Amino acid sequence: MAIQRRLRRSLSFEKKSSSLGAEVPKGHFAVYVGLNEKKRFVIPVSFLNHSSFQELLFQAEEEYGFDHPMGGLTIPCSEDLFIDIASRLSRA
C-alpha cells in the first residue's frame, strides 16, 4: 500500500492554490482514471511508447471515442490497475 501512495504522489500533480487548475510539467500529460470516481494523474509522455499503455488508450477510444467526459483523456479502468501498470512502466 505504501508503494501505491508514493506512486500516486509522484504521478499526480495537483496545485490547490490555482483557480486555473493543475499545471502539467513539460514532458507529461494528464489522464483521468477510474470506473466510478475519476482521479487525475500526471504521467510522462514516454508511457505512450509502451504496449500496455497503448492498450489502455485503445480501451478509452472504444469507451469514449473522442468525447471524454472529464474534458481530458479518460481511461476506463480501475485506479489499482492503472497504478500497477504505471509503476511497471516507471521501472522500465
PDB file of N, CA and C in Angstrom:
ATOM      1  N   MET A   1       0.820  -1.196   0.000  1.00  0.00           N
ATOM      2  CA  MET A   1       0.000   0.000   0.000  1.00  0.00           C
ATOM      3  C   MET A   1       0.863   1.258   0.000  1.00  0.00           C
ATOM      4  N   ALA A   2       1.998   1.252   0.669  1.00  0.00           N
ATOM      5  CA  ALA A   2       2.873   2.416   0.708  1.00  0.00           C
ATOM      6  C   ALA A   2       3.413   2.733  -0.683  1.00  0.00           C
ATOM      7  N   ILE A   3       3.684   1.706  -1.490  1.00  0.00           N
ATOM      8  CA  ILE A   3       4.167   1.912  -2.849  1.00  0.00           C
ATOM      9  C   ILE A   3       3.100   2.630  -3.666  1.00  0.00           C
ATOM     10  N   GLN A   4       1.853   2.252  -3.511  1.00  0.00           N
ATOM     11  CA  GLN A   4       0.777   2.892  -4.256  1.00  0.00           C
ATOM     12  C   GLN A   4       0.655   4.361  -3.865  1.00  0.00           C
ATOM     13  N   ARG A   5       0.796   4.676  -2.576  1.00  0.00           N
ATOM     14  CA  ARG A   5       0.707   6.073  -2.154  1.00  0.00           C
ATOM     15  C   ARG A   5       1.851   6.890  -2.724  1.00  0.00           C
ATOM     16  N   ARG A   6       3.068   6.322  -2.704  1.00  0.00           N
ATOM     17  CA  ARG A   6       4.221   7.027  -3.264  1.00  0.00           C
ATOM     18  C   ARG A   6       4.036   7.245  -4.757  1.00  0.00           C
ATOM     19  N   LEU A   7       3.588   6.223  -5.458  1.00  0.00           N
ATOM     20  CA  LEU A   7       3.362   6.326  -6.895  1.00  0.00           C
ATOM     21  C   LEU A   7       2.286   7.366  -7.169  1.00  0.00           C
ATOM     22  N   ARG A   8       1.219   7.320  -6.409  1.00  0.00           N
ATOM     23  CA  ARG A   8       0.130   8.263  -6.599  1.00  0.00           C
ATOM     24  C   ARG A   8       0.645   9.690  -6.426  1.00  0.00           C
ATOM     25  N   ARG A   9       1.486   9.915  -5.414  1.00  0.00           N
ATOM     26  CA  ARG A   9       2.041  11.245  -5.193  1.00  0.00           C
ATOM     27  C   ARG A   9       2.976  11.641  -6.322  1.00  0.00           C
ATOM     28  N   SER A  10       3.772  10.699  -6.810  1.00  0.00           N
ATOM     29  CA  SER A  10       4.737  11.044  -7.846  1.00  0.00           C
ATOM     30  C   SER A  10       4.068  11.213  -9.206  1.00  0.00           C
ATOM     31  N   LEU A  11       2.977  10.529  -9.472  1.00  0.00           N
ATOM     32  CA  LEU A  11       2.307  10.647 -10.753  1.00  0.00           C
ATOM     33  C   LEU A  11       1.281  11.772 -10.769  1.00  0.00           C
ATOM     34  N   SER A  12       0.673  12.044  -9.642  1.00  0.00           N
ATOM     35  CA  SER A  12      -0.383  13.033  -9.592  1.00  0.00           C
ATOM     36  C   SER A  12       0.180  14.351  -9.106  1.00  0.00           C
ATOM     37  N   PHE A  13      -0.053  15.421  -9.862  1.00  0.00           N
ATOM     38  CA  PHE A  13       0.462  16.730  -9.514  1.00  0.00           C
ATOM     39  C   PHE A  13      -0.718  17.679  -9.441  1.00  0.00           C
ATOM     40  N   GLU A  14      -1.108  18.053  -8.227  1.00  0.00           N
ATOM     41  CA  GLU A  14      -2.250  18.941  -8.077  1.00  0.00           C
ATOM     42  C   GLU A  14      -1.790  20.227  -7.428  1.00  0.00           C
ATOM     43  N   LYS A  15      -2.189  21.340  -7.976  1.00  0.00           N
ATOM     44  CA  LYS A  15      -1.860  22.644  -7.431  1.00  0.00           C
ATOM     45  C   LYS A  15      -3.141  23.227  -6.858  1.00  0.00           C
ATOM     46  N   LYS A  16      -3.301  23.150  -5.566  1.00  0.00           N
ATOM     47  CA  LYS A  16      -4.555  23.526  -4.927  1.00  0.00           C
ATOM     48  C   LYS A  16      -4.786  25.029  -4.926  1.00  0.00           C
ATOM     49  N   SER A  17      -3.712  25.823  -4.978  1.00  0.00           N
ATOM     50  CA  SER A  17      -3.868  27.265  -4.866  1.00  0.00           C
ATOM     51  C   SER A  17      -4.286  27.926  -6.172  1.00  0.00           C
ATOM     52  N   SER A  18      -4.238  27.239  -7.273  1.00  0.00           N
ATOM     53  CA  SER A  18      -4.553  27.828  -8.573  1.00  0.00           C
ATOM     54  C   SER A  18      -6.008  27.605  -8.935  1.00  0.00           C
ATOM     55  N   SER A  19      -6.682  28.690  -9.285  1.00  0.00           N
ATOM     56  CA  SER A  19      -8.068  28.535  -9.726  1.00  0.00           C
ATOM     57  C   SER A  19      -8.139  28.110 -11.188  1.00  0.00           C
ATOM     58  N   LEU A  20      -6.995  28.145 -11.887  1.00  0.00           N
ATOM     59  CA  LEU A  20      -6.963  27.739 -13.290  1.00  0.00           C
ATOM     60  C   LEU A  20      -6.818  26.244 -13.465  1.00  0.00           C
ATOM     61  N   GLY A  21      -6.632  25.517 -12.386  1.00  0.00           N
ATOM     62  CA  GLY A  21      -6.443  24.075 -12.471  1.00  0.00           C
ATOM     63  C   GLY A  21      -4.995  23.708 -12.218  1.00  0.00           C
ATOM     64  N   ALA A  22      -4.725  22.462 -12.287  1.00  0.00           N
ATOM     65  CA  ALA A  22      -3.380  21.969 -12.009  1.00  0.00           C
ATOM     66  C   ALA A  22      -2.494  22.132 -13.242  1.00  0.00           C
ATOM     67  N   GLU A  23      -1.247  22.453 -12.993  1.00  0.00           N
ATOM     68  CA  GLU A  23      -0.284  22.572 -14.077  1.00  0.00           C
ATOM     69  C   GLU A  23       0.272  21.195 -14.416  1.00  0.00           C
ATOM     70  N   VAL A  24       0.688  21.069 -15.659  1.00  0.00           N
ATOM     71  CA  VAL A  24       1.287  19.820 -16.104  1.00  0.00           C
ATOM     72  C   VAL A  24       2.721  20.130 -16.527  1.00  0.00           C
ATOM     73  N   PRO A  25       3.703  19.487 -15.889  1.00  0.00           N
ATOM     74  CA  PRO A  25       5.104  19.753 -16.249  1.00  0.00           C
ATOM     75  C   PRO A  25       5.415  19.343 -17.681  1.00  0.00           C
ATOM     76  N   LYS A  26       6.392  19.999 -18.261  1.00  0.00           N
ATOM     77  CA  LYS A  26       6.822  19.678 -19.613  1.00  0.00           C
ATOM     78  C   LYS A  26       7.200  18.197 -19.681  1.00  0.00           C
ATOM     79  N   GLY A  27       6.804  17.523 -20.768  1.00  0.00           N
ATOM     80  CA  GLY A  27       7.104  16.104 -20.945  1.00  0.00           C
ATOM     81  C   GLY A  27       6.115  15.181 -20.265  1.00  0.00           C
ATOM     82  N   HIS A  28       5.014  15.725 -19.766  1.00  0.00           N
ATOM     83  CA  HIS A  28       3.976  14.955 -19.083  1.00  0.00           C
ATOM     84  C   HIS A  28       2.607  15.319 -19.651  1.00  0.00           C
ATOM     85  N   PHE A  29       1.604  14.521 -19.317  1.00  0.00           N
ATOM     86  CA  PHE A  29       0.232  14.853 -19.663  1.00  0.00           C
ATOM     87  C   PHE A  29      -0.698  14.279 -18.607  1.00  0.00           C
ATOM     88  N   ALA A  30      -1.886  14.849 -18.522  1.00  0.00           N
ATOM     89  CA  ALA A  30      -2.850  14.438 -17.511  1.00  0.00           C
ATOM     90  C   ALA A  30      -3.837  13.432 -18.084  1.00  0.00           C
ATOM     91  N   VAL A  31      -4.197  12.458 -17.265  1.00  0.00           N
ATOM     92  CA  VAL A  31      -5.247  11.499 -17.603  1.00  0.00           C
ATOM     93  C   VAL A  31      -6.166  11.376 -16.400  1.00  0.00           C
ATOM     94  N   TYR A  32      -7.394  10.989 -16.664  1.00  0.00           N
ATOM     95  CA  TYR A  32      -8.363  10.733 -15.604  1.00  0.00           C
ATOM     96  C   TYR A  32      -8.642   9.246 -15.609  1.00  0.00           C
ATOM     97  N   VAL A  33      -8.582   8.646 -14.428  1.00  0.00           N
ATOM     98  CA  VAL A  33      -8.671   7.193 -14.303  1.00  0.00           C
ATOM     99  C   VAL A  33      -9.714   6.834 -13.263  1.00  0.00           C
ATOM    100  N   GLY A  34     -10.474   5.793 -13.549  1.00  0.00           N
ATOM    101  CA  GLY A  34     -11.409   5.267 -12.571  1.00  0.00           C
ATOM    102  C   GLY A  34     -12.662   4.749 -13.235  1.00  0.00           C
ATOM    103  N   LEU A  35     -13.312   3.835 -12.583  1.00  0.00           N
ATOM    104  CA  LEU A  35     -14.546   3.278 -13.115  1.00  0.00           C
ATOM    105  C   LEU A  35     -15.742   4.125 -12.675  1.00  0.00           C
ATOM    106  N   ASN A  36     -15.751   4.579 -11.444  1.00  0.00           N
ATOM    107  CA  ASN A  36     -16.835   5.435 -10.948  1.00  0.00           C
ATOM    108  C   ASN A  36     -16.306   6.846 -10.739  1.00  0.00           C
ATOM    109  N   GLU A  37     -15.565   7.028  -9.687  1.00  0.00           N
ATOM    110  CA  GLU A  37     -14.959   8.321  -9.400  1.00  0.00           C
ATOM    111  C   GLU A  37     -13.649   8.433 -10.170  1.00  0.00           C
ATOM    112  N   LYS A  38     -13.482   9.513 -10.896  1.00  0.00           N
ATOM    113  CA  LYS A  38     -12.278   9.701 -11.710  1.00  0.00           C
ATOM    114  C   LYS A  38     -11.219  10.443 -10.901  1.00  0.00           C
ATOM    115  N   LYS A  39      -9.984   9.961 -10.992  1.00  0.00           N
ATOM    116  CA  LYS A  39      -8.854  10.595 -10.315  1.00  0.00           C
ATOM    117  C   LYS A  39      -7.863  11.050 -11.372  1.00  0.00           C
ATOM    118  N   ARG A  40      -7.297  12.219 -11.181  1.00  0.00           N
ATOM    119  CA  ARG A  40      -6.366  12.803 -12.149  1.00  0.00           C
ATOM    120  C   ARG A  40      -4.940  12.356 -11.840  1.00  0.00           C
ATOM    121  N   PHE A  41      -4.243  11.905 -12.876  1.00  0.00           N
ATOM    122  CA  PHE A  41      -2.834  11.535 -12.776  1.00  0.00           C
ATOM    123  C   PHE A  41      -2.067  12.302 -13.842  1.00  0.00           C
ATOM    124  N   VAL A  42      -0.871  12.735 -13.502  1.00  0.00           N
ATOM    125  CA  VAL A  42       0.029  13.368 -14.464  1.00  0.00           C
ATOM    126  C   VAL A  42       1.152  12.375 -14.701  1.00  0.00           C
ATOM    127  N   ILE A  43       1.296  11.955 -15.961  1.00  0.00           N
ATOM    128  CA  ILE A  43       2.240  10.887 -16.276  1.00  0.00           C
ATOM    129  C   ILE A  43       3.187  11.319 -17.392  1.00  0.00           C
ATOM    130  N   PRO A  44       4.348  10.671 -17.478  1.00  0.00           N
ATOM    131  CA  PRO A  44       5.312  11.018 -18.529  1.00  0.00           C
ATOM    132  C   PRO A  44       4.812  10.641 -19.919  1.00  0.00           C
ATOM    133  N   VAL A  45       5.140  11.462 -20.896  1.00  0.00           N
ATOM    134  CA  VAL A  45       4.795  11.198 -22.290  1.00  0.00           C
ATOM    135  C   VAL A  45       5.403   9.877 -22.751  1.00  0.00           C
ATOM    136  N   SER A  46       6.519   9.476 -22.162  1.00  0.00           N
ATOM    137  CA  SER A  46       7.187   8.228 -22.560  1.00  0.00           C
ATOM    138  C   SER A  46       6.289   6.999 -22.391  1.00  0.00           C
ATOM    139  N   PHE A  47       5.258   7.081 -21.549  1.00  0.00           N
ATOM    140  CA  PHE A  47       4.329   5.960 -21.383  1.00  0.00           C
ATOM    141  C   PHE A  47       3.640   5.608 -22.701  1.00  0.00           C
ATOM    142  N   LEU A  48       3.505   6.589 -23.590  1.00  0.00           N
ATOM    143  CA  LEU A  48       2.818   6.366 -24.868  1.00  0.00           C
ATOM    144  C   LEU A  48       3.513   5.320 -25.731  1.00  0.00           C
ATOM    145  N   ASN A  49       4.787   5.083 -25.492  1.00  0.00           N
ATOM    146  CA  ASN A  49       5.550   4.111 -26.286  1.00  0.00           C
ATOM    147  C   ASN A  49       5.345   2.666 -25.859  1.00  0.00           C
ATOM    148  N   HIS A  50       4.723   2.436 -24.726  1.00  0.00           N
ATOM    149  CA  HIS A  50       4.596   1.086 -24.168  1.00  0.00           C
ATOM    150  C   HIS A  50       3.271   0.438 -24.567  1.00  0.00           C
ATOM    151  N   SER A  51       3.345  -0.804 -24.952  1.00  0.00           N
ATOM    152  CA  SER A  51       2.156  -1.515 -25.432  1.00  0.00           C
ATOM    153  C   SER A  51       1.066  -1.625 -24.366  1.00  0.00           C
ATOM    154  N   SER A  52       1.448  -1.775 -23.103  1.00  0.00           N
ATOM    155  CA  SER A  52       0.415  -1.897 -22.056  1.00  0.00           C
ATOM    156  C   SER A  52      -0.358  -0.589 -21.907  1.00  0.00           C
ATOM    157  N   PHE A  53       0.313   0.546 -22.071  1.00  0.00           N
ATOM    158  CA  PHE A  53      -0.390   1.829 -22.006  1.00  0.00           C
ATOM    159  C   PHE A  53      -1.204   2.052 -23.280  1.00  0.00           C
ATOM    160  N   GLN A  54      -0.685   1.613 -24.408  1.00  0.00           N
ATOM    161  CA  GLN A  54      -1.425   1.729 -25.661  1.00  0.00           C
ATOM    162  C   GLN A  54      -2.727   0.933 -25.601  1.00  0.00           C
ATOM    163  N   GLU A  55      -2.711  -0.181 -24.886  1.00  0.00           N
ATOM    164  CA  GLU A  55      -3.940  -0.963 -24.706  1.00  0.00           C
ATOM    165  C   GLU A  55      -4.970  -0.155 -23.909  1.00  0.00           C
ATOM    166  N   LEU A  56      -4.511   0.570 -22.894  1.00  0.00           N
ATOM    167  CA  LEU A  56      -5.426   1.432 -22.131  1.00  0.00           C
ATOM    168  C   LEU A  56      -6.015   2.522 -23.034  1.00  0.00           C
ATOM    169  N   LEU A  57      -5.186   3.064 -23.922  1.00  0.00           N
ATOM    170  CA  LEU A  57      -5.673   4.083 -24.861  1.00  0.00           C
ATOM    171  C   LEU A  57      -6.714   3.499 -25.818  1.00  0.00           C
ATOM    172  N   PHE A  58      -6.502   2.272 -26.250  1.00  0.00           N
ATOM    173  CA  PHE A  58      -7.471   1.602 -27.120  1.00  0.00           C
ATOM    174  C   PHE A  58      -8.805   1.429 -26.386  1.00  0.00           C
ATOM    175  N   GLN A  59      -8.737   1.033 -25.107  1.00  0.00           N
ATOM    176  CA  GLN A  59      -9.963   0.880 -24.316  1.00  0.00           C
ATOM    177  C   GLN A  59     -10.684   2.215 -24.171  1.00  0.00           C
ATOM    178  N   ALA A  60      -9.911   3.294 -23.986  1.00  0.00           N
ATOM    179  CA  ALA A  60     -10.510   4.630 -23.876  1.00  0.00           C
ATOM    180  C   ALA A  60     -11.201   5.018 -25.175  1.00  0.00           C
ATOM    181  N   GLU A  61     -10.570   4.704 -26.301  1.00  0.00           N
ATOM    182  CA  GLU A  61     -11.168   5.001 -27.600  1.00  0.00           C
ATOM    183  C   GLU A  61     -12.461   4.214 -27.785  1.00  0.00           C
ATOM    184  N   GLU A  62     -12.448   2.937 -27.408  1.00  0.00           N
ATOM    185  CA  GLU A  62     -13.643   2.099 -27.530  1.00  0.00           C
ATOM    186  C   GLU A  62     -14.782   2.629 -26.652  1.00  0.00           C
ATOM    187  N   GLU A  63     -14.447   3.077 -25.452  1.00  0.00           N
ATOM    188  CA  GLU A  63     -15.444   3.522 -24.484  1.00  0.00           C
ATOM    189  C   GLU A  63     -15.979   4.920 -24.801  1.00  0.00           C
ATOM    190  N   TYR A  64     -15.084   5.846 -25.112  1.00  0.00           N
ATOM    191  CA  TYR A  64     -15.474   7.257 -25.221  1.00  0.00           C
ATOM    192  C   TYR A  64     -15.311   7.859 -26.614  1.00  0.00           C
ATOM    193  N   GLY A  65     -14.614   7.186 -27.510  1.00  0.00           N
ATOM    194  CA  GLY A  65     -14.303   7.817 -28.792  1.00  0.00           C
ATOM    195  C   GLY A  65     -13.419   9.022 -28.534  1.00  0.00           C
ATOM    196  N   PHE A  66     -13.799  10.154 -29.074  1.00  0.00           N
ATOM    197  CA  PHE A  66     -13.027  11.380 -28.826  1.00  0.00           C
ATOM    198  C   PHE A  66     -13.794  12.342 -27.940  1.00  0.00           C
ATOM    199  N   ASP A  67     -14.847  11.881 -27.306  1.00  0.00           N
ATOM    200  CA  ASP A  67     -15.667  12.700 -26.424  1.00  0.00           C
ATOM    201  C   ASP A  67     -15.457  12.238 -24.988  1.00  0.00           C
ATOM    202  N   HIS A  68     -14.438  12.766 -24.339  1.00  0.00           N
ATOM    203  CA  HIS A  68     -14.110  12.350 -22.977  1.00  0.00           C
ATOM    204  C   HIS A  68     -14.876  13.200 -21.971  1.00  0.00           C
ATOM    205  N   PRO A  69     -15.589  12.578 -21.052  1.00  0.00           N
ATOM    206  CA  PRO A  69     -16.474  13.294 -20.136  1.00  0.00           C
ATOM    207  C   PRO A  69     -15.753  14.265 -19.188  1.00  0.00           C
ATOM    208  N   MET A  70     -14.481  14.053 -18.933  1.00  0.00           N
ATOM    209  CA  MET A  70     -13.760  14.909 -17.995  1.00  0.00           C
ATOM    210  C   MET A  70     -13.095  16.098 -18.706  1.00  0.00           C
ATOM    211  N   GLY A  71     -13.211  16.171 -20.020  1.00  0.00           N
ATOM    212  CA  GLY A  71     -12.569  17.245 -20.750  1.00  0.00           C
ATOM    213  C   GLY A  71     -11.123  16.928 -21.095  1.00  0.00           C
ATOM    214  N   GLY A  72     -10.627  15.816 -20.630  1.00  0.00           N
ATOM    215  CA  GLY A  72      -9.281  15.352 -20.925  1.00  0.00           C
ATOM    216  C   GLY A  72      -9.331  13.870 -21.190  1.00  0.00           C
ATOM    217  N   LEU A  73      -8.200  13.272 -21.406  1.00  0.00           N
ATOM    218  CA  LEU A  73      -8.133  11.842 -21.682  1.00  0.00           C
ATOM    219  C   LEU A  73      -8.606  11.051 -20.468  1.00  0.00           C
ATOM    220  N   THR A  74      -9.658  10.274 -20.661  1.00  0.00           N
ATOM    221  CA  THR A  74     -10.226   9.458 -19.587  1.00  0.00           C
ATOM    222  C   THR A  74      -9.972   7.997 -19.909  1.00  0.00           C
ATOM    223  N   ILE A  75      -9.406   7.282 -18.951  1.00  0.00           N
ATOM    224  CA  ILE A  75      -9.084   5.868 -19.139  1.00  0.00           C
ATOM    225  C   ILE A  75     -10.028   5.030 -18.283  1.00  0.00           C
ATOM    226  N   PRO A  76     -10.827   4.169 -18.920  1.00  0.00           N
ATOM    227  CA  PRO A  76     -11.832   3.394 -18.199  1.00  0.00           C
ATOM    228  C   PRO A  76     -11.262   2.102 -17.589  1.00  0.00           C
ATOM    229  N   CYS A  77     -10.492   2.248 -16.534  1.00  0.00           N
ATOM    230  CA  CYS A  77     -10.000   1.073 -15.807  1.00  0.00           C
ATOM    231  C   CYS A  77      -9.956   1.443 -14.329  1.00  0.00           C
ATOM    232  N   SER A  78      -9.774   0.452 -13.494  1.00  0.00           N
ATOM    233  CA  SER A  78      -9.715   0.729 -12.064  1.00  0.00           C
ATOM    234  C   SER A  78      -8.430   1.485 -11.729  1.00  0.00           C
ATOM    235  N   GLU A  79      -8.490   2.262 -10.702  1.00  0.00           N
ATOM    236  CA  GLU A  79      -7.316   3.013 -10.252  1.00  0.00           C
ATOM    237  C   GLU A  79      -6.185   2.061  -9.887  1.00  0.00           C
ATOM    238  N   ASP A  80      -6.507   0.943  -9.260  1.00  0.00           N
ATOM    239  CA  ASP A  80      -5.487  -0.040  -8.875  1.00  0.00           C
ATOM    240  C   ASP A  80      -4.756  -0.608 -10.087  1.00  0.00           C
ATOM    241  N   LEU A  81      -5.509  -0.944 -11.136  1.00  0.00           N
ATOM    242  CA  LEU A  81      -4.891  -1.462 -12.357  1.00  0.00           C
ATOM    243  C   LEU A  81      -3.984  -0.408 -12.986  1.00  0.00           C
ATOM    244  N   PHE A  82      -4.458   0.827 -13.054  1.00  0.00           N
ATOM    245  CA  PHE A  82      -3.658   1.894 -13.636  1.00  0.00           C
ATOM    246  C   PHE A  82      -2.366   2.107 -12.839  1.00  0.00           C
ATOM    247  N   ILE A  83      -2.457   2.118 -11.532  1.00  0.00           N
ATOM    248  CA  ILE A  83      -1.269   2.304 -10.693  1.00  0.00           C
ATOM    249  C   ILE A  83      -0.295   1.151 -10.894  1.00  0.00           C
ATOM    250  N   ASP A  84      -0.808  -0.058 -11.028  1.00  0.00           N
ATOM    251  CA  ASP A  84       0.053  -1.216 -11.280  1.00  0.00           C
ATOM    252  C   ASP A  84       0.800  -1.061 -12.608  1.00  0.00           C
ATOM    253  N   ILE A  85       0.079  -0.710 -13.660  1.00  0.00           N
ATOM    254  CA  ILE A  85       0.697  -0.526 -14.972  1.00  0.00           C
ATOM    255  C   ILE A  85       1.693   0.619 -14.933  1.00  0.00           C
ATOM    256  N   ALA A  86       1.305   1.739 -14.355  1.00  0.00           N
ATOM    257  CA  ALA A  86       2.194   2.902 -14.295  1.00  0.00           C
ATOM    258  C   ALA A  86       3.452   2.632 -13.482  1.00  0.00           C
ATOM    259  N   SER A  87       3.326   1.871 -12.409  1.00  0.00           N
ATOM    260  CA  SER A  87       4.516   1.557 -11.615  1.00  0.00           C
ATOM    261  C   SER A  87       5.473   0.668 -12.388  1.00  0.00           C
ATOM    262  N   ARG A  88       4.935  -0.285 -13.168  1.00  0.00           N
ATOM    263  CA  ARG A  88       5.788  -1.126 -14.002  1.00  0.00           C
ATOM    264  C   ARG A  88       6.459  -0.303 -15.101  1.00  0.00           C
ATOM    265  N   LEU A  89       5.741   0.609 -15.702  1.00  0.00           N
ATOM    266  CA  LEU A  89       6.316   1.456 -16.750  1.00  0.00           C
ATOM    267  C   LEU A  89       7.363   2.417 -16.186  1.00  0.00           C
ATOM    268  N   SER A  90       7.176   2.864 -14.970  1.00  0.00           N
ATOM    269  CA  SER A  90       8.150   3.767 -14.337  1.00  0.00           C
ATOM    270  C   SER A  90       9.461   3.074 -14.079  1.00  0.00           C
ATOM    271  N   ARG A  91       9.414   1.769 -13.850  1.00  0.00           N
ATOM    272  CA  ARG A  91      10.639   0.999 -13.590  1.00  0.00           C
ATOM    273  C   ARG A  91      11.339   0.583 -14.868  1.00  0.00           C
ATOM    274  N   ALA A  92      10.611   0.621 -15.985  1.00  0.00           N
ATOM    275  CA  ALA A  92      11.178   0.154 -17.275  1.00  0.00           C
ATOM    276  C   ALA A  92      12.204   1.115 -17.832  1.00  0.00           C
TER     277      ALA A  92
END
